[in-house]
Amino acid sequence: MILSRIRGRGQRWARQLRWRLRTRPVRAAALPEAPVHVFIRCRNRPSHLWATLDAFHRNTRTPCRFVLIDNASDDPETLRVIEGFRRRGMFAAVYRMPANDPANQQRVFDELRPQLGPYLVLLDADVTVEPGEPDWLARMLEVIAARPKLALLGAALDLSDFIPLDTARRIAPELDDAALAEIIKTRSAERRQPAVMTGDLINPYPPAGRLLLARTEALDRCGAIIGARRLCAAVEAAGYEVGITPRVMHRHLSLLNLYDYPDYDYGELQRYLGFV
């Protein structure tokens, strides 16, 4: 009788274990040999930075190392946000750069290269992701690991944050159409993203550079280039592929700049990205 009870408990435990494994379908092949480094690039805009850090701190379960690259923020509230998440123990490293220079990311990449595993995340500090099982990083790793030629994998965009032009005119009647078009990104290619997407990968579809899972070997060949268009062009010229996965959805908080940061300096952004 005692043996039958032990066997019964063992069978119940085995059924529970199989159920847990079914509800967490991450293939072992998707997990890298070393923790993924997540490079977070920021400059000012503390409310967006806080939302980004909070979302990724809460919603990341896959082992990784967060590395913050602060591009010479001069807003004291930004520094308070960084210090708050440092106290939470979020960061493996924080780099306070002396100037807002597009080469900063490459400098950090070169310094940390001996520690990097096969994958690296490039993340801007105006992005959030939702909770999920498995988490966003495990899902993206599973997609890229199954495709050896895929070097840059982005996430689908929540289109609901795009502000209609008529709404923008009501909010800021003092701005001309050219200024409004820039701040609400009327010419963004992502406005044409399909509202309904299925499958693991949409390719070809150049991913935006604000949330990218990249193969480290591809960055070795092309450089950790800032700016999505230049980086996509470089890796495709090297024989790799790019795409986005509908399995992960992100929000782009800069779409809300008209509400949150209407005086945001887009000229400074263009200079940082190397477009002027």
C-alpha atoms as a PDB file:
ATOM      1  CA  MET A   1       0.000   0.000   0.000  1.00  0.00           C
ATOM      2  CA  ILE A   2       2.862   2.368   0.839  1.00  0.00           C
ATOM      3  CA  LEU A   3       4.542   1.546  -2.477  1.00  0.00           C
ATOM      4  CA  SER A   4       1.333   2.247  -4.409  1.00  0.00           C
ATOM      5  CA  ARG A   5       1.046   5.661  -2.717  1.00  0.00           C
ATOM      6  CA  ILE A   6       4.642   6.518  -3.659  1.00  0.00           C
ATOM      7  CA  ARG A   7       4.032   5.409  -7.247  1.00  0.00           C
ATOM      8  CA  GLY A   8       0.837   7.494  -7.380  1.00  0.00           C
ATOM      9  CA  ARG A   9       2.609  10.606  -6.090  1.00  0.00           C
ATOM     10  CA  GLY A  10       5.411  10.063  -8.612  1.00  0.00           C
ATOM     11  CA  GLN A  11       2.939   9.791 -11.481  1.00  0.00           C
ATOM     12  CA  ARG A  12       1.142  12.972 -10.389  1.00  0.00           C
ATOM     13  CA  TRP A  13       4.488  14.816 -10.104  1.00  0.00           C
ATOM     14  CA  ALA A  14       5.488  13.627 -13.596  1.00  0.00           C
ATOM     15  CA  ARG A  15       2.163  14.819 -15.058  1.00  0.00           C
ATOM     16  CA  GLN A  16       2.597  18.234 -13.398  1.00  0.00           C
ATOM     17  CA  LEU A  17       6.169  18.501 -14.703  1.00  0.00           C
ATOM     18  CA  ARG A  18       5.084  17.633 -18.252  1.00  0.00           C
ATOM     19  CA  TRP A  19       2.333  20.275 -18.041  1.00  0.00           C
ATOM     20  CA  ARG A  20       4.786  22.944 -16.865  1.00  0.00           C
ATOM     21  CA  LEU A  21       7.141  22.097 -19.692  1.00  0.00           C
ATOM     22  CA  ARG A  22       4.307  22.348 -22.220  1.00  0.00           C
ATOM     23  CA  THR A  23       3.392  25.806 -20.989  1.00  0.00           C
ATOM     24  CA  ARG A  24       6.977  27.078 -21.378  1.00  0.00           C
ATOM     25  CA  PRO A  25       7.843  26.018 -24.963  1.00  0.00           C
ATOM     26  CA  VAL A  26      11.395  27.369 -25.337  1.00  0.00           C
ATOM     27  CA  ARG A  27      13.683  25.046 -27.280  1.00  0.00           C
ATOM     28  CA  ALA A  28      17.113  24.535 -25.730  1.00  0.00           C
ATOM     29  CA  ALA A  29      18.662  25.474 -29.071  1.00  0.00           C
ATOM     30  CA  ALA A  30      17.292  29.001 -28.665  1.00  0.00           C
ATOM     31  CA  LEU A  31      19.305  29.673 -25.527  1.00  0.00           C
ATOM     32  CA  PRO A  32      22.773  31.183 -26.059  1.00  0.00           C
ATOM     33  CA  GLU A  33      25.965  29.822 -24.588  1.00  0.00           C
ATOM     34  CA  ALA A  34      26.539  33.019 -22.598  1.00  0.00           C
ATOM     35  CA  PRO A  35      24.099  35.602 -21.181  1.00  0.00           C
ATOM     36  CA  VAL A  36      22.898  38.041 -23.817  1.00  0.00           C
ATOM     37  CA  HIS A  37      24.112  41.610 -23.315  1.00  0.00           C
ATOM     38  CA  VAL A  38      21.369  44.211 -23.746  1.00  0.00           C
ATOM     39  CA  PHE A  39      22.815  47.603 -24.727  1.00  0.00           C
ATOM     40  CA  ILE A  40      20.407  50.393 -23.726  1.00  0.00           C
ATOM     41  CA  ARG A  41      21.160  53.782 -25.293  1.00  0.00           C
ATOM     42  CA  CYS A  42      19.697  56.878 -23.694  1.00  0.00           C
ATOM     43  CA  ARG A  43      19.896  60.667 -23.669  1.00  0.00           C
ATOM     44  CA  ASN A  44      17.559  62.707 -21.452  1.00  0.00           C
ATOM     45  CA  ARG A  45      13.747  62.224 -21.656  1.00  0.00           C
ATOM     46  CA  PRO A  46      13.551  60.728 -18.129  1.00  0.00           C
ATOM     47  CA  SER A  47       9.896  59.657 -18.289  1.00  0.00           C
ATOM     48  CA  HIS A  48      10.552  57.538 -21.386  1.00  0.00           C
ATOM     49  CA  LEU A  49      13.742  56.163 -19.842  1.00  0.00           C
ATOM     50  CA  TRP A  50      11.897  55.192 -16.657  1.00  0.00           C
ATOM     51  CA  ALA A  51       9.147  53.424 -18.618  1.00  0.00           C
ATOM     52  CA  THR A  52      11.720  51.536 -20.691  1.00  0.00           C
ATOM     53  CA  LEU A  53      13.833  50.395 -17.765  1.00  0.00           C
ATOM     54  CA  ASP A  54      10.795  49.410 -15.711  1.00  0.00           C
ATOM     55  CA  ALA A  55       9.287  47.383 -18.583  1.00  0.00           C
ATOM     56  CA  PHE A  56      12.467  45.455 -19.315  1.00  0.00           C
ATOM     57  CA  HIS A  57      13.387  45.000 -15.661  1.00  0.00           C
ATOM     58  CA  ARG A  58       9.953  43.519 -14.938  1.00  0.00           C
ATOM     59  CA  ASN A  59       9.395  41.540 -18.123  1.00  0.00           C
ATOM     60  CA  THR A  60      12.784  39.910 -18.789  1.00  0.00           C
ATOM     61  CA  ARG A  61      13.271  36.393 -17.414  1.00  0.00           C
ATOM     62  CA  THR A  62      15.873  35.022 -19.813  1.00  0.00           C
ATOM     63  CA  PRO A  63      19.416  35.424 -18.376  1.00  0.00           C
ATOM     64  CA  CYS A  64      20.973  38.625 -19.732  1.00  0.00           C
ATOM     65  CA  ARG A  65      23.172  41.552 -18.745  1.00  0.00           C
ATOM     66  CA  PHE A  66      21.821  45.077 -19.084  1.00  0.00           C
ATOM     67  CA  VAL A  67      24.431  47.658 -20.085  1.00  0.00           C
ATOM     68  CA  LEU A  68      23.321  51.307 -20.050  1.00  0.00           C
ATOM     69  CA  ILE A  69      25.055  53.753 -22.405  1.00  0.00           C
ATOM     70  CA  ASP A  70      24.091  57.281 -21.379  1.00  0.00           C
ATOM     71  CA  ASN A  71      25.012  59.708 -24.154  1.00  0.00           C
ATOM     72  CA  ALA A  72      25.888  62.750 -22.038  1.00  0.00           C
ATOM     73  CA  SER A  73      22.445  63.389 -20.573  1.00  0.00           C
ATOM     74  CA  ASP A  74      22.260  66.860 -19.029  1.00  0.00           C
ATOM     75  CA  ASP A  75      18.790  66.513 -17.486  1.00  0.00           C
ATOM     76  CA  PRO A  76      19.279  65.792 -13.748  1.00  0.00           C
ATOM     77  CA  GLU A  77      16.040  63.790 -13.651  1.00  0.00           C
ATOM     78  CA  THR A  78      17.576  61.343 -16.129  1.00  0.00           C
ATOM     79  CA  LEU A  79      20.480  60.726 -13.771  1.00  0.00           C
ATOM     80  CA  ARG A  80      18.033  60.125 -10.908  1.00  0.00           C
ATOM     81  CA  VAL A  81      16.206  57.498 -12.982  1.00  0.00           C
ATOM     82  CA  ILE A  82      19.485  55.748 -13.805  1.00  0.00           C
ATOM     83  CA  GLU A  83      20.522  55.741 -10.148  1.00  0.00           C
ATOM     84  CA  GLY A  84      17.145  54.339  -9.104  1.00  0.00           C
ATOM     85  CA  PHE A  85      17.489  51.332 -11.400  1.00  0.00           C
ATOM     86  CA  ARG A  86      21.105  50.923 -10.402  1.00  0.00           C
ATOM     87  CA  ARG A  87      19.856  50.513  -6.829  1.00  0.00           C
ATOM     88  CA  ARG A  88      17.429  47.856  -8.073  1.00  0.00           C
ATOM     89  CA  GLY A  89      20.458  45.922  -9.300  1.00  0.00           C
ATOM     90  CA  MET A  90      19.402  46.052 -12.938  1.00  0.00           C
ATOM     91  CA  PHE A  91      22.690  46.966 -14.606  1.00  0.00           C
ATOM     92  CA  ALA A  92      25.815  44.948 -15.213  1.00  0.00           C
ATOM     93  CA  ALA A  93      27.476  48.223 -16.228  1.00  0.00           C
ATOM     94  CA  VAL A  94      26.643  51.898 -16.722  1.00  0.00           C
ATOM     95  CA  TYR A  95      28.619  54.070 -19.131  1.00  0.00           C
ATOM     96  CA  ARG A  96      28.251  57.844 -18.715  1.00  0.00           C
ATOM     97  CA  MET A  97      29.716  59.123 -21.970  1.00  0.00           C
ATOM     98  CA  PRO A  98      31.251  62.629 -22.123  1.00  0.00           C
ATOM     99  CA  ALA A  99      29.512  63.569 -25.411  1.00  0.00           C
ATOM    100  CA  ASN A 100      26.462  62.607 -27.470  1.00  0.00           C
ATOM    101  CA  ASP A 101      28.525  60.776 -30.081  1.00  0.00           C
ATOM    102  CA  PRO A 102      27.290  58.058 -32.493  1.00  0.00           C
ATOM    103  CA  ALA A 103      30.592  56.216 -31.943  1.00  0.00           C
ATOM    104  CA  ASN A 104      29.789  55.593 -28.259  1.00  0.00           C
ATOM    105  CA  GLN A 105      28.006  52.318 -28.943  1.00  0.00           C
ATOM    106  CA  GLN A 106      30.935  51.015 -30.965  1.00  0.00           C
ATOM    107  CA  ARG A 107      33.357  51.962 -28.159  1.00  0.00           C
ATOM    108  CA  VAL A 108      31.354  49.993 -25.582  1.00  0.00           C
ATOM    109  CA  PHE A 109      30.961  47.079 -28.013  1.00  0.00           C
ATOM    110  CA  ASP A 110      34.735  46.945 -28.562  1.00  0.00           C
ATOM    111  CA  GLU A 111      35.464  47.098 -24.823  1.00  0.00           C
ATOM    112  CA  LEU A 112      32.996  44.349 -23.899  1.00  0.00           C
ATOM    113  CA  ARG A 113      33.574  42.150 -26.968  1.00  0.00           C
ATOM    114  CA  PRO A 114      35.509  39.424 -25.059  1.00  0.00           C
ATOM    115  CA  GLN A 115      32.476  38.958 -22.781  1.00  0.00           C
ATOM    116  CA  LEU A 116      29.804  38.856 -25.471  1.00  0.00           C
ATOM    117  CA  GLY A 117      27.991  35.698 -26.473  1.00  0.00           C
ATOM    118  CA  PRO A 118      26.581  34.862 -29.903  1.00  0.00           C
ATOM    119  CA  TYR A 119      23.745  37.410 -29.599  1.00  0.00           C
ATOM    120  CA  LEU A 120      23.438  41.043 -28.558  1.00  0.00           C
ATOM    121  CA  VAL A 121      20.396  43.298 -28.079  1.00  0.00           C
ATOM    122  CA  LEU A 122      20.486  46.943 -29.181  1.00  0.00           C
ATOM    123  CA  LEU A 123      17.773  48.881 -27.360  1.00  0.00           C
ATOM    124  CA  ASP A 124      16.781  52.552 -27.324  1.00  0.00           C
ATOM    125  CA  ALA A 125      15.415  54.084 -24.145  1.00  0.00           C
ATOM    126  CA  ASP A 126      11.979  54.840 -25.605  1.00  0.00           C
ATOM    127  CA  VAL A 127      10.686  51.271 -25.934  1.00  0.00           C
ATOM    128  CA  THR A 128       8.473  49.078 -23.790  1.00  0.00           C
ATOM    129  CA  VAL A 129       7.445  45.431 -24.027  1.00  0.00           C
ATOM    130  CA  GLU A 130       4.612  43.544 -22.381  1.00  0.00           C
ATOM    131  CA  PRO A 131       4.903  40.528 -20.051  1.00  0.00           C
ATOM    132  CA  GLY A 132       4.574  37.076 -21.570  1.00  0.00           C
ATOM    133  CA  GLU A 133       5.538  33.433 -21.218  1.00  0.00           C
ATOM    134  CA  PRO A 134       8.113  32.828 -22.450  1.00  0.00           C
ATOM    135  CA  ASP A 135       9.459  36.366 -22.243  1.00  0.00           C
ATOM    136  CA  TRP A 136      10.250  38.653 -25.201  1.00  0.00           C
ATOM    137  CA  LEU A 137      13.929  37.686 -25.293  1.00  0.00           C
ATOM    138  CA  ALA A 138      13.298  33.929 -25.277  1.00  0.00           C
ATOM    139  CA  ARG A 139      10.825  34.310 -28.146  1.00  0.00           C
ATOM    140  CA  MET A 140      13.241  36.384 -30.218  1.00  0.00           C
ATOM    141  CA  LEU A 141      16.104  33.981 -29.522  1.00  0.00           C
ATOM    142  CA  GLU A 142      13.994  31.063 -30.664  1.00  0.00           C
ATOM    143  CA  VAL A 143      13.218  32.795 -33.975  1.00  0.00           C
ATOM    144  CA  ILE A 144      16.793  33.839 -34.758  1.00  0.00           C
ATOM    145  CA  ALA A 145      18.415  30.591 -33.622  1.00  0.00           C
ATOM    146  CA  ALA A 146      16.338  28.633 -36.137  1.00  0.00           C
ATOM    147  CA  ARG A 147      17.608  30.790 -39.037  1.00  0.00           C
ATOM    148  CA  PRO A 148      21.420  30.868 -39.345  1.00  0.00           C
ATOM    149  CA  LYS A 149      21.402  33.613 -41.995  1.00  0.00           C
ATOM    150  CA  LEU A 150      19.172  35.940 -39.964  1.00  0.00           C
ATOM    151  CA  ALA A 151      21.415  38.594 -38.400  1.00  0.00           C
ATOM    152  CA  LEU A 152      19.016  41.342 -37.294  1.00  0.00           C
ATOM    153  CA  LEU A 153      15.642  40.597 -35.743  1.00  0.00           C
ATOM    154  CA  GLY A 154      13.256  43.359 -34.722  1.00  0.00           C
ATOM    155  CA  ALA A 155       9.846  43.318 -33.068  1.00  0.00           C
ATOM    156  CA  ALA A 156       6.468  44.350 -34.433  1.00  0.00           C
ATOM    157  CA  LEU A 157       5.247  47.824 -33.514  1.00  0.00           C
ATOM    158  CA  ASP A 158       2.067  48.707 -31.635  1.00  0.00           C
ATOM    159  CA  LEU A 159       0.536  51.020 -34.242  1.00  0.00           C
ATOM    160  CA  SER A 160      -2.005  52.562 -31.871  1.00  0.00           C
ATOM    161  CA  ASP A 161       0.491  55.190 -30.647  1.00  0.00           C
ATOM    162  CA  PHE A 162       0.707  56.945 -34.022  1.00  0.00           C
ATOM    163  CA  ILE A 163      -1.028  60.317 -33.659  1.00  0.00           C
ATOM    164  CA  PRO A 164      -3.331  61.294 -36.584  1.00  0.00           C
ATOM    165  CA  LEU A 165      -2.421  64.570 -38.266  1.00  0.00           C
ATOM    166  CA  ASP A 166      -5.831  66.124 -37.515  1.00  0.00           C
ATOM    167  CA  THR A 167      -5.399  65.323 -33.823  1.00  0.00           C
ATOM    168  CA  ALA A 168      -1.893  66.795 -33.871  1.00  0.00           C
ATOM    169  CA  ARG A 169      -3.211  70.047 -35.384  1.00  0.00           C
ATOM    170  CA  ARG A 170      -5.734  70.369 -32.548  1.00  0.00           C
ATOM    171  CA  ILE A 171      -3.069  69.696 -29.909  1.00  0.00           C
ATOM    172  CA  ALA A 172      -0.460  72.074 -31.332  1.00  0.00           C
ATOM    173  CA  PRO A 173      -2.089  74.623 -33.666  1.00  0.00           C
ATOM    174  CA  GLU A 174       0.996  76.842 -33.380  1.00  0.00           C
ATOM    175  CA  LEU A 175       3.154  74.325 -35.316  1.00  0.00           C
ATOM    176  CA  ASP A 176       3.207  74.259 -39.107  1.00  0.00           C
ATOM    177  CA  ASP A 177       2.502  71.053 -41.036  1.00  0.00           C
ATOM    178  CA  ALA A 178       6.184  70.309 -41.633  1.00  0.00           C
ATOM    179  CA  ALA A 179       6.988  70.432 -37.912  1.00  0.00           C
ATOM    180  CA  LEU A 180       3.922  68.352 -37.051  1.00  0.00           C
ATOM    181  CA  ALA A 181       4.779  65.772 -39.704  1.00  0.00           C
ATOM    182  CA  GLU A 182       8.233  65.348 -38.192  1.00  0.00           C
ATOM    183  CA  ILE A 183       7.123  65.048 -34.590  1.00  0.00           C
ATOM    184  CA  ILE A 184       4.319  62.524 -35.290  1.00  0.00           C
ATOM    185  CA  LYS A 185       6.360  60.655 -37.948  1.00  0.00           C
ATOM    186  CA  THR A 186       3.863  60.840 -40.779  1.00  0.00           C
ATOM    187  CA  ARG A 187       6.497  59.495 -43.208  1.00  0.00           C
ATOM    188  CA  SER A 188       7.471  56.519 -41.076  1.00  0.00           C
ATOM    189  CA  ALA A 189       7.516  53.270 -43.047  1.00  0.00           C
ATOM    190  CA  GLU A 190       6.066  51.578 -39.976  1.00  0.00           C
ATOM    191  CA  ARG A 191       2.725  53.268 -40.586  1.00  0.00           C
ATOM    192  CA  ARG A 192       2.416  50.717 -43.407  1.00  0.00           C
ATOM    193  CA  GLN A 193       3.055  47.743 -41.139  1.00  0.00           C
ATOM    194  CA  PRO A 194       0.196  45.219 -41.527  1.00  0.00           C
ATOM    195  CA  ALA A 195      -2.341  45.511 -38.741  1.00  0.00           C
ATOM    196  CA  VAL A 196      -2.593  41.711 -38.524  1.00  0.00           C
ATOM    197  CA  MET A 197       0.520  39.556 -38.785  1.00  0.00           C
ATOM    198  CA  THR A 198       1.061  35.836 -38.330  1.00  0.00           C
ATOM    199  CA  GLY A 199       4.004  33.477 -38.243  1.00  0.00           C
ATOM    200  CA  ASP A 200       7.453  33.816 -36.735  1.00  0.00           C
ATOM    201  CA  LEU A 201       9.095  36.152 -39.252  1.00  0.00           C
ATOM    202  CA  ILE A 202       8.252  38.844 -41.768  1.00  0.00           C
ATOM    203  CA  ASN A 203      11.127  39.035 -44.216  1.00  0.00           C
ATOM    204  CA  PRO A 204      12.023  41.127 -46.043  1.00  0.00           C
ATOM    205  CA  TYR A 205      11.013  43.874 -43.621  1.00  0.00           C
ATOM    206  CA  PRO A 206      13.818  46.113 -42.345  1.00  0.00           C
ATOM    207  CA  PRO A 207      13.492  46.298 -38.553  1.00  0.00           C
ATOM    208  CA  ALA A 208      13.764  49.593 -36.721  1.00  0.00           C
ATOM    209  CA  GLY A 209      16.934  50.000 -34.701  1.00  0.00           C
ATOM    210  CA  ARG A 210      15.224  50.722 -31.406  1.00  0.00           C
ATOM    211  CA  LEU A 211      14.855  47.029 -30.443  1.00  0.00           C
ATOM    212  CA  LEU A 212      17.143  44.640 -32.297  1.00  0.00           C
ATOM    213  CA  LEU A 213      18.407  41.177 -31.524  1.00  0.00           C
ATOM    214  CA  ALA A 214      21.652  40.883 -33.487  1.00  0.00           C
ATOM    215  CA  ARG A 215      24.167  38.145 -34.202  1.00  0.00           C
ATOM    216  CA  THR A 216      27.441  39.233 -32.661  1.00  0.00           C
ATOM    217  CA  GLU A 217      29.411  37.767 -35.568  1.00  0.00           C
ATOM    218  CA  ALA A 218      27.504  40.039 -37.959  1.00  0.00           C
ATOM    219  CA  LEU A 219      28.332  43.090 -35.861  1.00  0.00           C
ATOM    220  CA  ASP A 220      31.970  41.972 -35.888  1.00  0.00           C
ATOM    221  CA  ARG A 221      31.914  42.151 -39.672  1.00  0.00           C
ATOM    222  CA  CYS A 222      29.810  45.290 -40.045  1.00  0.00           C
ATOM    223  CA  GLY A 223      30.456  47.257 -36.873  1.00  0.00           C
ATOM    224  CA  ALA A 224      27.867  48.083 -34.217  1.00  0.00           C
ATOM    225  CA  ILE A 225      26.554  50.811 -36.500  1.00  0.00           C
ATOM    226  CA  ILE A 226      23.934  53.127 -35.069  1.00  0.00           C
ATOM    227  CA  GLY A 227      20.928  53.869 -37.245  1.00  0.00           C
ATOM    228  CA  ALA A 228      18.666  51.097 -38.489  1.00  0.00           C
ATOM    229  CA  ARG A 229      18.913  51.806 -42.217  1.00  0.00           C
ATOM    230  CA  ARG A 230      22.715  51.844 -42.258  1.00  0.00           C
ATOM    231  CA  LEU A 231      22.968  48.749 -40.091  1.00  0.00           C
ATOM    232  CA  CYS A 232      20.436  46.771 -42.155  1.00  0.00           C
ATOM    233  CA  ALA A 233      22.206  47.755 -45.375  1.00  0.00           C
ATOM    234  CA  ALA A 234      25.578  46.727 -43.967  1.00  0.00           C
ATOM    235  CA  VAL A 235      24.503  43.282 -42.762  1.00  0.00           C
ATOM    236  CA  GLU A 236      22.587  42.540 -45.968  1.00  0.00           C
ATOM    237  CA  ALA A 237      25.655  43.522 -47.993  1.00  0.00           C
ATOM    238  CA  ALA A 238      27.597  41.002 -45.892  1.00  0.00           C
ATOM    239  CA  GLY A 239      25.192  38.244 -46.950  1.00  0.00           C
ATOM    240  CA  TYR A 240      22.879  38.136 -43.932  1.00  0.00           C
ATOM    241  CA  GLU A 241      19.103  38.591 -43.668  1.00  0.00           C
ATOM    242  CA  VAL A 242      16.948  40.932 -41.585  1.00  0.00           C
ATOM    243  CA  GLY A 243      13.317  40.862 -40.495  1.00  0.00           C
ATOM    244  CA  ILE A 244      10.799  41.384 -37.712  1.00  0.00           C
ATOM    245  CA  THR A 245       8.888  38.881 -35.652  1.00  0.00           C
ATOM    246  CA  PRO A 246       5.180  39.309 -34.872  1.00  0.00           C
ATOM    247  CA  ARG A 247       5.777  37.133 -31.805  1.00  0.00           C
ATOM    248  CA  VAL A 248       7.033  40.202 -29.922  1.00  0.00           C
ATOM    249  CA  MET A 249       5.219  43.551 -29.886  1.00  0.00           C
ATOM    250  CA  HIS A 250       6.847  46.761 -28.679  1.00  0.00           C
ATOM    251  CA  ARG A 251       5.715  50.323 -28.111  1.00  0.00           C
ATOM    252  CA  HIS A 252       7.742  53.254 -29.434  1.00  0.00           C
ATOM    253  CA  LEU A 253       7.312  55.999 -26.863  1.00  0.00           C
ATOM    254  CA  SER A 254       8.793  58.674 -29.137  1.00  0.00           C
ATOM    255  CA  LEU A 255       5.552  58.510 -31.112  1.00  0.00           C
ATOM    256  CA  LEU A 256       4.094  60.347 -28.109  1.00  0.00           C
ATOM    257  CA  ASN A 257       6.647  63.167 -28.099  1.00  0.00           C
ATOM    258  CA  LEU A 258       3.943  65.680 -29.062  1.00  0.00           C
ATOM    259  CA  TYR A 259       2.376  64.991 -25.657  1.00  0.00           C
ATOM    260  CA  ASP A 260       5.469  64.321 -23.556  1.00  0.00           C
ATOM    261  CA  TYR A 261       8.402  66.174 -25.166  1.00  0.00           C
ATOM    262  CA  PRO A 262       7.039  68.648 -27.758  1.00  0.00           C
ATOM    263  CA  ASP A 263      10.350  70.562 -27.780  1.00  0.00           C
ATOM    264  CA  TYR A 264      12.455  67.478 -28.511  1.00  0.00           C
ATOM    265  CA  ASP A 265      15.438  68.414 -30.695  1.00  0.00           C
ATOM    266  CA  TYR A 266      15.089  66.282 -33.823  1.00  0.00           C
ATOM    267  CA  GLY A 267      18.089  67.991 -35.373  1.00  0.00           C
ATOM    268  CA  GLU A 268      20.232  66.644 -32.553  1.00  0.00           C
ATOM    269  CA  LEU A 269      18.816  63.175 -33.154  1.00  0.00           C
ATOM    270  CA  GLN A 270      19.654  63.332 -36.870  1.00  0.00           C
ATOM    271  CA  ARG A 271      23.213  64.403 -36.068  1.00  0.00           C
ATOM    272  CA  TYR A 272      23.587  61.573 -33.567  1.00  0.00           C
ATOM    273  CA  LEU A 273      22.388  59.051 -36.129  1.00  0.00           C
ATOM    274  CA  GLY A 274      24.905  60.402 -38.628  1.00  0.00           C
ATOM    275  CA  PHE A 275      22.298  61.628 -41.133  1.00  0.00           C
ATOM    276  CA  VAL A 276      23.590  65.253 -41.178  1.00  0.00           C
END
